Amino acid sequence: MASALGKSLVEKMRIPPYAICASIVSMGGFVFGFDTGSIGSVTVMQQFIDTVGELDSKIEGLFVSIILIPAAIVSFGSGSISDRLSRTYATALGCFVYGAGSLIACTAGLGYHHQKSALIQAFVGRAISGAGEGIFLSAVAVYGIEVAPQDKRGRIGCIIQIFISTGIMVAYFICYGSVKIQSSVSWRLPWIIQTIVCFSMAAIVPFLPHSPRWLVQAKRYDEAKAMMRKLGLDERELVITESEPEEREEHSKSKSWQQFKSAFAPEVRGRTLMALFMLGVQQLSGIDGVLYYAPTLFKQAGLSSQSASFLASGVTGIVNVVFTIVGQMLSDRWGRRPALIFGGVIMGAAMTAIGVLYSIPDLPSAGNWAIIVLIFVYFVPFVLTWAILMRIWVSESQPLHSRASVSSLALTVNWICNFIVAFTTPIFLEASPSGPYFLWAACTLIAALVFAAWLPETKGKSIDGDEQDLGLDDNIGWLKEQLQRPPLSRRSTSRTVVATEPEKKTDIEGKTTCVEV
């Protein structure tokens, strides 16, 4: 009895191969999160300022956000790279490029003392890292969804978000400790860590199993079935449409722009547009304004000392990780649609309240503490819902032939909006402490309304299915139906015809189409 119980516990504790592979690939998310959590702190370190010179709000915003410009440009074609090379090889390539950029940035000013040259070198390094990020981040997200069993897609899809959150938290505390180092190592250390992680991933990830669904797309059906077994997955979950070999061959040979064109084909146009809107508004909610500039925001809210604001940022990182794990455990229980709507409403309300408080002249200390609390009231539902479920929805809503392309397109929009937020936040805060919060609140609440009106549910749906499986015709398709209706004047004329021909009234009312006049 005891032996049987022990075996049962061992089986339950055994981590399935697909989860191990998804976790290793998702270290790319750690790199992304680590940069998000460290760059804002680095720019305010005195040792960094001594190396590159004083940064005004515009230069600071550009330096923080410069990584996002090449990421957005490169991610436009990263879906094609991922489709051609495989999800694993694309991830390895992106990590190598990112690591090279981090190495360039962390050696800025090393061996010479010209501040302008050091700043330019750091800019160049961050731009190169952005190109690598644009390659690997989309491939990482798609790989996690494609190797997950249908009933575990939410949890496996959340792994990348857990690593992003962990990266942010680790970066906050690394910077909290390194700021006390009385040399340039204080700001170089975060980039040294990024370099080591990226080059390690570039060496390890190519040896992981390919995504079975990528192998299907490449017409390597026997390998796909073997890979399903190797990953510990049920072969019956893999849908292989043997009747479409010509279409798959044409897709595999197509140019990047043709693949993007297929992402807007009538049968997938609705979900593609929703995916672009979703990852765009994720950034316009202001999340990276909070994460990038957390030390500045907490200092503005009353934590005057640098160490106190850094420590508060670290607490934000801990909250991020804890609630990401909670969200992962609940992700396959919640519907994507209601969670995104509910999260958006709470976030919008919190941002509105912060804006109102900052609008009050001579705000007392109690008001400043209320702002700090409201930042967490905004942050927790974001982590539980928008951070986790949006990337999952984007990947699982797409059929195989457009999944990588749409994911990369959505990330392009995400990075463009991220750049706008990251670049403008210090400028806006300098001009109006309350303005950014009202803007972010408006974007968030509008998104919640859009989700309530048109977002279809994807929880439990097959990711190898077609448009009918997702039910988009009943949701996003409604808008198209409204736009195709005749103008009001024509509908009025149609009603007049019906009234003047009563003998045809029954026949006309039995139809659902509009009467042509």
Protein backbone atom coordinates (compact mmCIF):
# COMPACT_ATOMS: atom_id res chain seq x y z
CA MET A 1 0.00 0.00 0.00
CA ALA A 2 2.77 2.41 0.99
CA SER A 3 4.75 1.43 -2.09
CA ALA A 4 1.77 2.10 -4.36
CA LEU A 5 1.18 5.45 -2.68
CA GLY A 6 4.83 6.37 -3.14
CA LYS A 7 4.72 5.51 -6.83
CA SER A 8 1.56 7.58 -7.21
CA LEU A 9 3.22 10.59 -5.59
CA VAL A 10 6.30 10.20 -7.79
CA GLU A 11 4.09 10.09 -10.88
CA LYS A 12 2.25 13.22 -9.81
CA MET A 13 5.50 15.05 -9.07
CA ARG A 14 7.07 14.01 -12.37
CA ILE A 15 7.38 16.98 -14.71
CA PRO A 16 6.25 16.02 -18.24
CA PRO A 17 8.77 16.54 -21.06
CA TYR A 18 6.64 19.16 -22.82
CA ALA A 19 6.66 21.33 -19.67
CA ILE A 20 10.46 21.03 -19.32
CA CYS A 21 11.00 22.04 -22.95
CA ALA A 22 8.55 24.94 -22.71
CA SER A 23 10.29 26.13 -19.53
CA ILE A 24 13.75 26.10 -21.12
CA VAL A 25 12.57 28.02 -24.18
CA SER A 26 10.66 30.44 -21.96
CA MET A 27 13.95 31.63 -20.46
CA GLY A 28 13.71 34.08 -23.35
CA GLY A 29 10.92 35.65 -21.33
CA PHE A 30 13.32 35.99 -18.39
CA VAL A 31 15.68 38.03 -20.59
CA PHE A 32 12.83 40.25 -21.75
CA GLY A 33 11.61 40.79 -18.19
CA PHE A 34 15.12 41.34 -16.83
CA ASP A 35 15.68 44.22 -19.23
CA THR A 36 12.27 45.69 -18.40
CA GLY A 37 13.05 45.60 -14.69
CA SER A 38 16.63 46.86 -14.87
CA ILE A 39 16.83 49.58 -17.50
CA GLY A 40 14.85 52.21 -15.60
CA SER A 41 17.00 51.67 -12.52
CA VAL A 42 20.23 51.76 -14.53
CA THR A 43 19.45 55.18 -16.01
CA VAL A 44 19.21 56.80 -12.56
CA MET A 45 22.37 55.22 -11.12
CA GLN A 46 25.02 57.86 -10.46
CA GLN A 47 27.79 55.60 -11.78
CA PHE A 48 25.94 55.27 -15.12
CA ILE A 49 25.47 59.04 -15.30
CA ASP A 50 29.19 59.49 -14.63
CA THR A 51 29.93 57.20 -17.60
CA VAL A 52 27.49 58.50 -20.25
CA GLY A 53 26.55 61.95 -18.94
CA GLU A 54 23.33 63.47 -17.60
CA LEU A 55 20.18 62.41 -19.50
CA ASP A 56 17.24 64.77 -19.95
CA SER A 57 13.70 63.33 -20.08
CA LYS A 58 13.70 62.94 -23.89
CA ILE A 59 17.08 61.17 -24.05
CA GLU A 60 16.14 59.00 -21.08
CA GLY A 61 12.87 57.99 -22.75
CA LEU A 62 14.66 57.25 -26.02
CA PHE A 63 17.40 55.24 -24.31
CA VAL A 64 14.88 53.10 -22.44
CA SER A 65 12.68 52.55 -25.50
CA ILE A 66 15.33 52.23 -28.24
CA ILE A 67 15.33 48.45 -27.84
CA LEU A 68 11.69 48.39 -28.97
CA ILE A 69 12.19 50.02 -32.39
CA PRO A 70 14.35 47.26 -33.95
CA ALA A 71 12.26 44.68 -32.07
CA ALA A 72 9.12 45.96 -33.78
CA ILE A 73 10.79 46.10 -37.21
CA VAL A 74 12.37 42.65 -36.99
CA SER A 75 9.31 41.02 -35.45
CA PHE A 76 7.40 41.91 -38.63
CA GLY A 77 9.38 39.16 -40.34
CA SER A 78 10.02 36.93 -37.34
CA GLY A 79 6.99 34.77 -38.13
CA SER A 80 8.56 33.87 -41.46
CA ILE A 81 11.89 33.14 -39.73
CA SER A 82 10.12 30.93 -37.21
CA ASP A 83 8.23 29.09 -39.96
CA ARG A 84 11.35 28.48 -42.01
CA LEU A 85 13.96 27.69 -39.35
CA SER A 86 11.66 26.18 -36.66
CA ARG A 87 10.57 27.65 -33.34
CA THR A 88 13.68 26.38 -31.52
CA TYR A 89 16.27 27.55 -34.06
CA ALA A 90 14.61 30.97 -34.31
CA THR A 91 14.74 31.27 -30.52
CA ALA A 92 18.44 30.35 -30.45
CA LEU A 93 19.26 32.83 -33.21
CA GLY A 94 17.40 35.64 -31.46
CA CYS A 95 19.11 34.91 -28.14
CA PHE A 96 22.55 35.00 -29.76
CA VAL A 97 21.84 38.40 -31.35
CA TYR A 98 20.43 39.73 -28.08
CA GLY A 99 23.48 38.51 -26.16
CA ALA A 100 25.81 40.24 -28.62
CA GLY A 101 23.94 43.51 -28.11
CA SER A 102 24.10 43.17 -24.32
CA LEU A 103 27.85 42.55 -24.52
CA ILE A 104 28.32 45.75 -26.54
CA ALA A 105 26.19 47.75 -24.09
CA CYS A 106 27.91 46.49 -20.95
CA THR A 107 31.36 47.43 -22.30
CA ALA A 108 30.35 51.04 -23.08
CA GLY A 109 32.98 53.45 -21.76
CA LEU A 110 35.33 50.60 -20.86
CA GLY A 111 38.90 51.71 -21.59
CA TYR A 112 37.96 55.25 -22.61
CA HIS A 113 36.35 58.23 -20.86
CA HIS A 114 34.38 60.02 -23.57
CA GLN A 115 30.80 60.29 -22.32
CA LYS A 116 29.14 60.86 -25.70
CA SER A 117 30.91 57.86 -27.26
CA ALA A 118 29.93 55.68 -24.30
CA LEU A 119 26.29 56.72 -24.66
CA ILE A 120 26.33 55.98 -28.40
CA GLN A 121 27.84 52.53 -27.77
CA ALA A 122 25.17 51.77 -25.18
CA PHE A 123 22.48 52.91 -27.64
CA VAL A 124 23.91 50.65 -30.38
CA GLY A 125 24.06 47.67 -28.03
CA ARG A 126 20.43 48.11 -26.97
CA ALA A 127 19.34 48.44 -30.59
CA ILE A 128 21.09 45.17 -31.53
CA SER A 129 19.50 43.46 -28.53
CA GLY A 130 16.14 44.71 -29.76
CA ALA A 131 16.66 42.95 -33.08
CA GLY A 132 17.32 39.70 -31.25
CA GLU A 133 14.28 40.21 -29.03
CA GLY A 134 12.14 40.70 -32.11
CA ILE A 135 13.27 37.31 -33.42
CA PHE A 136 12.94 35.13 -30.34
CA LEU A 137 9.97 36.43 -28.35
CA SER A 138 7.29 35.47 -30.88
CA ALA A 139 8.88 32.04 -31.42
CA VAL A 140 8.98 31.41 -27.66
CA ALA A 141 5.27 32.20 -27.23
CA VAL A 142 4.22 30.04 -30.18
CA TYR A 143 6.40 27.10 -29.11
CA GLY A 144 4.85 27.02 -25.64
CA ILE A 145 1.32 26.88 -27.03
CA GLU A 146 2.16 24.30 -29.71
CA VAL A 147 3.81 21.76 -27.40
CA ALA A 148 1.08 21.97 -24.73
CA PRO A 149 -1.80 19.48 -24.47
CA GLN A 150 -5.20 21.06 -25.04
CA ASP A 151 -6.29 20.92 -21.40
CA LYS A 152 -2.97 22.41 -20.18
CA ARG A 153 -2.52 25.20 -22.74
CA GLY A 154 -3.30 27.92 -20.23
CA ARG A 155 -0.75 26.70 -17.69
CA ILE A 156 1.98 26.02 -20.24
CA GLY A 157 1.28 29.28 -22.04
CA CYS A 158 1.72 31.06 -18.69
CA ILE A 159 5.26 29.75 -18.24
CA ILE A 160 6.71 32.53 -20.38
CA GLN A 161 4.85 35.12 -18.29
CA ILE A 162 6.21 33.56 -15.09
CA PHE A 163 9.72 33.92 -16.49
CA ILE A 164 9.03 37.50 -17.57
CA SER A 165 7.77 38.31 -14.07
CA THR A 166 10.73 36.52 -12.48
CA GLY A 167 13.12 38.44 -14.71
CA ILE A 168 11.56 41.74 -13.65
CA MET A 169 11.77 40.81 -9.96
CA VAL A 170 15.38 39.57 -10.15
CA ALA A 171 16.40 42.71 -12.04
CA TYR A 172 14.83 44.98 -9.43
CA PHE A 173 16.75 43.31 -6.61
CA ILE A 174 20.00 43.06 -8.59
CA CYS A 175 19.80 46.81 -9.15
CA TYR A 176 18.82 47.40 -5.51
CA GLY A 177 22.07 45.69 -4.51
CA SER A 178 24.35 46.86 -7.32
CA VAL A 179 23.51 50.56 -6.88
CA LYS A 180 25.63 50.42 -3.71
CA ILE A 181 28.73 49.33 -5.67
CA GLN A 182 31.03 52.33 -6.00
CA SER A 183 32.17 51.61 -9.55
CA SER A 184 30.75 51.16 -13.05
CA VAL A 185 30.13 47.49 -12.22
CA SER A 186 26.94 48.74 -10.57
CA TRP A 187 25.26 49.39 -13.94
CA ARG A 188 27.25 46.88 -16.02
CA LEU A 189 26.17 43.90 -13.90
CA PRO A 190 22.59 43.67 -15.29
CA TRP A 191 23.91 43.54 -18.86
CA ILE A 192 26.56 40.98 -17.91
CA ILE A 193 23.81 38.71 -16.56
CA GLN A 194 21.76 39.17 -19.75
CA THR A 195 24.77 38.28 -21.88
CA ILE A 196 25.44 35.05 -19.97
CA VAL A 197 21.79 33.93 -20.07
CA CYS A 198 21.40 34.68 -23.79
CA PHE A 199 24.56 32.89 -24.93
CA SER A 200 23.64 29.90 -22.73
CA MET A 201 20.21 29.70 -24.35
CA ALA A 202 21.69 30.03 -27.83
CA ALA A 203 23.80 26.94 -27.07
CA ILE A 204 21.06 24.83 -25.42
CA VAL A 205 17.77 25.53 -27.23
CA PRO A 206 18.74 24.05 -30.65
CA PHE A 207 18.93 20.60 -29.02
CA LEU A 208 15.30 20.70 -27.79
CA PRO A 209 12.55 18.83 -29.68
CA HIS A 210 10.89 20.70 -32.51
CA SER A 211 7.26 21.72 -32.19
CA PRO A 212 5.15 18.84 -33.61
CA ARG A 213 2.80 21.33 -35.21
CA TRP A 214 5.70 23.07 -36.93
CA LEU A 215 6.75 19.66 -38.27
CA VAL A 216 3.21 19.17 -39.61
CA GLN A 217 3.46 22.54 -41.34
CA ALA A 218 6.77 21.39 -42.83
CA LYS A 219 5.04 18.17 -44.06
CA ARG A 220 7.23 16.01 -41.80
CA TYR A 221 4.27 14.02 -40.50
CA ASP A 222 6.11 10.95 -39.19
CA GLU A 223 8.55 13.14 -37.27
CA ALA A 224 5.63 15.09 -35.86
CA LYS A 225 4.03 11.92 -34.47
CA ALA A 226 7.36 10.78 -33.04
CA MET A 227 7.90 14.18 -31.45
CA MET A 228 4.44 14.03 -29.85
CA ARG A 229 5.48 10.79 -28.15
CA LYS A 230 8.86 12.24 -27.14
CA LEU A 231 7.16 15.24 -25.53
CA GLY A 232 4.69 13.03 -23.68
CA LEU A 233 1.68 14.16 -25.72
CA ASP A 234 -1.32 12.26 -27.07
CA GLU A 235 -0.97 11.78 -30.84
CA ARG A 236 -4.73 12.11 -31.23
CA GLU A 237 -4.46 15.83 -30.41
CA LEU A 238 -2.38 16.40 -33.53
CA VAL A 239 -4.60 17.23 -36.49
CA ILE A 240 -2.88 16.36 -39.77
CA THR A 241 -4.89 17.47 -42.78
CA GLU A 242 -3.54 15.25 -45.53
CA SER A 243 -5.89 16.83 -48.07
CA GLU A 244 -3.97 20.12 -48.02
CA PRO A 245 -0.39 19.22 -49.07
CA GLU A 246 -0.38 21.65 -52.00
CA GLU A 247 -1.57 24.48 -49.80
CA ARG A 248 1.08 23.73 -47.15
CA GLU A 249 3.83 23.50 -49.77
CA GLU A 250 2.76 26.82 -51.26
CA HIS A 251 2.74 28.36 -47.79
CA SER A 252 6.20 27.07 -46.96
CA LYS A 253 7.62 28.59 -50.15
CA SER A 254 5.78 31.89 -49.93
CA LYS A 255 7.41 35.21 -49.23
CA SER A 256 6.99 36.92 -45.92
CA TRP A 257 4.52 39.45 -47.26
CA GLN A 258 2.39 36.65 -48.72
CA GLN A 259 2.27 34.94 -45.34
CA PHE A 260 1.13 38.17 -43.75
CA LYS A 261 -1.45 38.56 -46.49
CA SER A 262 -2.83 35.13 -45.62
CA ALA A 263 -3.21 36.33 -42.02
CA PHE A 264 -5.87 38.75 -43.29
CA ALA A 265 -7.75 36.22 -45.40
CA PRO A 266 -11.54 36.44 -44.85
CA GLU A 267 -11.68 33.29 -42.74
CA VAL A 268 -9.13 34.59 -40.18
CA ARG A 269 -9.34 38.36 -40.59
CA GLY A 270 -11.50 38.92 -37.52
CA ARG A 271 -9.24 37.14 -35.07
CA THR A 272 -6.13 38.67 -36.63
CA LEU A 273 -7.49 42.18 -36.08
CA MET A 274 -8.48 41.28 -32.54
CA ALA A 275 -4.97 39.91 -31.87
CA LEU A 276 -3.37 43.15 -33.10
CA PHE A 277 -5.75 45.26 -31.03
CA MET A 278 -5.24 43.08 -27.98
CA LEU A 279 -1.44 43.24 -27.80
CA GLY A 280 -1.48 46.92 -28.72
CA VAL A 281 -3.86 47.92 -25.95
CA GLN A 282 -1.92 45.73 -23.51
CA GLN A 283 0.85 48.32 -23.69
CA LEU A 284 -1.43 51.35 -23.97
CA SER A 285 -2.81 50.37 -20.57
CA GLY A 286 0.45 51.86 -19.25
CA ILE A 287 1.99 48.71 -17.80
CA ASP A 288 5.50 49.38 -19.05
CA GLY A 289 5.26 52.98 -17.96
CA VAL A 290 4.87 51.49 -14.48
CA LEU A 291 7.52 48.77 -14.86
CA TYR A 292 10.23 50.75 -16.69
CA TYR A 293 9.95 53.79 -14.45
CA ALA A 294 8.93 52.14 -11.17
CA PRO A 295 11.69 53.87 -9.12
CA THR A 296 10.67 57.25 -10.59
CA LEU A 297 6.96 56.65 -9.99
CA PHE A 298 7.48 55.58 -6.38
CA LYS A 299 9.76 58.55 -5.79
CA GLN A 300 7.07 60.82 -7.26
CA ALA A 301 4.53 59.21 -4.91
CA GLY A 302 6.56 60.13 -1.83
CA LEU A 303 9.39 57.58 -1.44
CA SER A 304 12.11 60.19 -1.63
CA SER A 305 15.29 58.15 -1.15
CA GLN A 306 16.75 56.15 -4.02
CA SER A 307 17.08 52.98 -1.95
CA ALA A 308 13.43 53.19 -0.80
CA SER A 309 12.13 53.59 -4.35
CA PHE A 310 14.34 50.71 -5.54
CA LEU A 311 13.07 48.53 -2.68
CA ALA A 312 9.44 49.37 -3.55
CA SER A 313 10.21 48.34 -7.12
CA GLY A 314 11.52 45.03 -5.78
CA VAL A 315 8.29 44.51 -3.86
CA THR A 316 6.45 45.13 -7.13
CA GLY A 317 8.54 42.35 -8.66
CA ILE A 318 7.63 39.93 -5.86
CA VAL A 319 3.93 40.73 -6.27
CA ASN A 320 4.34 40.21 -10.01
CA VAL A 321 5.80 36.71 -9.60
CA VAL A 322 3.35 35.58 -6.90
CA PHE A 323 0.24 36.61 -8.81
CA THR A 324 1.61 35.30 -12.10
CA ILE A 325 1.87 31.86 -10.46
CA VAL A 326 -1.66 32.25 -9.07
CA GLY A 327 -2.87 33.27 -12.52
CA GLN A 328 -1.16 30.25 -14.06
CA MET A 329 -2.98 27.89 -11.70
CA LEU A 330 -6.31 29.53 -12.52
CA SER A 331 -5.76 30.11 -16.24
CA ASP A 332 -7.38 26.86 -17.37
CA ARG A 333 -10.37 27.43 -15.06
CA TRP A 334 -11.16 30.98 -16.16
CA GLY A 335 -12.59 31.82 -19.52
CA ARG A 336 -10.30 34.15 -21.47
CA ARG A 337 -13.12 36.57 -22.28
CA PRO A 338 -14.65 37.28 -18.83
CA ALA A 339 -11.22 37.49 -17.18
CA LEU A 340 -9.96 40.08 -19.68
CA ILE A 341 -13.12 42.17 -19.30
CA PHE A 342 -13.06 42.05 -15.49
CA GLY A 343 -9.34 42.80 -15.33
CA GLY A 344 -9.70 45.77 -17.68
CA VAL A 345 -12.48 47.34 -15.60
CA ILE A 346 -10.48 47.11 -12.34
CA MET A 347 -7.30 48.43 -13.98
CA GLY A 348 -9.12 51.34 -15.60
CA ALA A 349 -10.77 52.30 -12.31
CA ALA A 350 -7.42 52.24 -10.46
CA MET A 351 -5.69 54.39 -13.09
CA THR A 352 -8.57 56.88 -13.01
CA ALA A 353 -8.30 57.15 -9.22
CA ILE A 354 -4.53 57.76 -9.43
CA GLY A 355 -5.10 60.50 -11.99
CA VAL A 356 -7.70 62.14 -9.75
CA LEU A 357 -5.36 62.09 -6.74
CA TYR A 358 -2.49 63.61 -8.70
CA SER A 359 -4.86 66.37 -9.85
CA ILE A 360 -5.30 67.52 -6.25
CA PRO A 361 -2.90 70.37 -5.38
CA ASP A 362 -0.79 69.92 -2.25
CA LEU A 363 -1.73 66.26 -1.86
CA PRO A 364 -1.19 65.15 1.77
CA SER A 365 1.05 62.20 2.63
CA ALA A 366 -2.00 59.95 3.07
CA GLY A 367 -2.87 60.65 -0.55
CA ASN A 368 0.63 59.65 -1.66
CA TRP A 369 0.29 56.34 0.18
CA ALA A 370 -3.11 55.86 -1.48
CA ILE A 371 -1.40 56.28 -4.86
CA ILE A 372 1.15 53.59 -3.98
CA VAL A 373 -1.68 51.22 -2.97
CA LEU A 374 -3.60 52.01 -6.17
CA ILE A 375 -0.54 51.19 -8.27
CA PHE A 376 -0.76 47.67 -6.84
CA VAL A 377 -4.56 47.61 -7.28
CA TYR A 378 -3.88 48.25 -10.98
CA PHE A 379 -0.91 45.92 -11.16
CA VAL A 380 -2.40 42.75 -9.62
CA PRO A 381 -5.37 42.32 -12.02
CA PHE A 382 -3.05 43.09 -14.94
CA VAL A 383 -0.75 40.25 -13.92
CA LEU A 384 -3.65 37.86 -13.27
CA THR A 385 -5.47 38.54 -16.54
CA TRP A 386 -4.03 40.74 -19.26
CA ALA A 387 -0.38 39.71 -18.86
CA ILE A 388 -1.16 36.00 -18.95
CA LEU A 389 -4.23 35.51 -21.09
CA MET A 390 -3.64 37.92 -23.96
CA ARG A 391 -0.58 36.15 -25.37
CA ILE A 392 -2.34 32.81 -24.90
CA TRP A 393 -5.42 34.06 -26.78
CA VAL A 394 -3.34 35.39 -29.67
CA SER A 395 -1.57 32.05 -30.19
CA GLU A 396 -4.46 29.66 -29.58
CA SER A 397 -6.97 31.66 -31.66
CA GLN A 398 -5.00 31.16 -34.88
CA PRO A 399 -4.95 28.17 -37.25
CA LEU A 400 -1.58 26.58 -37.92
CA HIS A 401 -0.86 28.31 -41.22
CA SER A 402 -1.16 31.84 -39.77
CA ARG A 403 -0.17 31.32 -36.13
CA ALA A 404 3.48 32.41 -36.35
CA SER A 405 2.77 35.31 -38.72
CA VAL A 406 -0.08 36.71 -36.64
CA SER A 407 1.90 36.30 -33.41
CA SER A 408 4.79 38.26 -34.89
CA LEU A 409 2.46 40.93 -36.31
CA ALA A 410 0.75 41.29 -32.94
CA LEU A 411 4.13 41.61 -31.22
CA THR A 412 5.09 44.29 -33.75
CA VAL A 413 2.03 46.31 -32.72
CA ASN A 414 2.84 45.54 -29.07
CA TRP A 415 6.37 46.89 -29.40
CA ILE A 416 5.27 49.99 -31.30
CA CYS A 417 2.80 50.82 -28.54
CA ASN A 418 5.42 49.88 -25.95
CA PHE A 419 7.84 52.33 -27.55
CA ILE A 420 5.22 55.09 -27.46
CA VAL A 421 4.55 54.48 -23.76
CA ALA A 422 8.21 54.05 -22.78
CA PHE A 423 9.38 57.12 -24.70
CA THR A 424 6.58 59.48 -23.65
CA THR A 425 6.16 58.51 -19.98
CA PRO A 426 9.02 60.65 -18.56
CA ILE A 427 8.02 63.54 -20.83
CA PHE A 428 4.35 63.31 -19.79
CA LEU A 429 5.20 63.00 -16.10
CA GLU A 430 7.37 66.10 -16.35
CA ALA A 431 4.51 68.05 -17.98
CA SER A 432 1.57 66.67 -15.97
CA PRO A 433 1.72 64.14 -13.11
CA SER A 434 -1.91 63.12 -13.65
CA GLY A 435 -2.18 63.17 -17.46
CA PRO A 436 -0.62 59.78 -18.27
CA TYR A 437 -2.86 57.99 -15.79
CA PHE A 438 -6.06 59.40 -17.30
CA LEU A 439 -4.83 58.42 -20.77
CA TRP A 440 -3.96 54.88 -19.70
CA ALA A 441 -7.32 54.55 -17.91
CA ALA A 442 -9.22 55.58 -21.05
CA CYS A 443 -7.35 53.04 -23.22
CA THR A 444 -7.98 50.27 -20.69
CA LEU A 445 -11.71 50.93 -20.29
CA ILE A 446 -12.23 51.21 -24.06
CA ALA A 447 -10.51 47.83 -24.46
CA ALA A 448 -12.79 46.27 -21.85
CA LEU A 449 -15.81 47.50 -23.83
CA VAL A 450 -14.40 46.07 -27.07
CA PHE A 451 -13.80 42.70 -25.40
CA ALA A 452 -17.34 42.70 -24.01
CA ALA A 453 -18.77 43.36 -27.47
CA TRP A 454 -16.65 41.18 -29.75
CA LEU A 455 -14.07 38.97 -28.04
CA PRO A 456 -14.73 35.24 -28.66
CA GLU A 457 -13.84 32.57 -26.12
CA THR A 458 -10.93 30.25 -27.00
CA LYS A 459 -10.65 28.22 -23.80
CA GLY A 460 -10.97 24.52 -24.62
CA LYS A 461 -11.00 25.05 -28.40
CA SER A 462 -8.76 23.03 -30.71
CA ILE A 463 -5.78 25.07 -31.94
CA ASP A 464 -5.77 22.99 -35.12
CA GLY A 465 -9.38 23.85 -35.88
CA ASP A 466 -11.00 26.18 -38.39
CA GLU A 467 -12.97 29.41 -38.16
CA GLN A 468 -16.19 27.63 -37.23
CA ASP A 469 -14.50 25.97 -34.26
CA LEU A 470 -13.73 29.37 -32.76
CA GLY A 471 -17.18 30.83 -33.34
CA LEU A 472 -15.93 34.17 -34.62
CA ASP A 473 -18.90 34.49 -36.95
CA ASP A 474 -21.08 35.12 -33.88
CA ASN A 475 -18.75 37.71 -32.32
CA ILE A 476 -16.25 39.69 -34.40
CA GLY A 477 -18.24 38.86 -37.55
CA TRP A 478 -21.19 40.83 -36.17
CA LEU A 479 -19.44 44.12 -37.03
CA LYS A 480 -18.94 43.03 -40.64
CA GLU A 481 -22.61 42.09 -40.85
CA GLN A 482 -23.62 45.55 -39.62
CA LEU A 483 -21.35 47.27 -42.11
CA GLN A 484 -22.81 45.23 -44.98
CA ARG A 485 -26.40 46.23 -44.19
CA PRO A 486 -28.02 48.61 -46.71
CA PRO A 487 -28.13 52.33 -45.86
CA LEU A 488 -31.09 53.57 -43.84
CA SER A 489 -32.72 55.14 -46.90
CA ARG A 490 -32.70 51.80 -48.74
CA ARG A 491 -34.07 49.95 -45.72
CA SER A 492 -36.90 52.51 -45.48
CA THR A 493 -37.73 52.02 -49.16
CA SER A 494 -37.78 48.26 -48.65
CA ARG A 495 -40.34 48.61 -45.88
CA THR A 496 -42.50 50.77 -48.16
CA VAL A 497 -42.52 48.08 -50.85
CA VAL A 498 -43.63 45.47 -48.34
CA ALA A 499 -46.47 47.69 -47.15
CA THR A 500 -47.77 48.32 -50.70
CA GLU A 501 -47.75 44.62 -51.63
CA PRO A 502 -49.61 42.90 -48.79
CA GLU A 503 -50.08 39.74 -50.81
CA LYS A 504 -46.31 39.14 -50.59
CA LYS A 505 -45.96 40.07 -46.92
CA THR A 506 -45.93 36.54 -45.55
CA ASP A 507 -43.40 35.39 -48.10
CA ILE A 508 -41.05 38.30 -47.41
CA GLU A 509 -41.24 37.99 -43.64
CA GLY A 510 -40.26 34.37 -43.92
CA LYS A 511 -36.87 35.39 -45.24
CA THR A 512 -33.91 36.64 -43.24
CA THR A 513 -32.25 38.57 -46.09
CA CYS A 514 -32.94 42.20 -46.99
CA VAL A 515 -35.48 42.99 -49.72
CA GLU A 516 -33.79 44.41 -52.84
CA VAL A 517 -35.51 47.41 -54.42
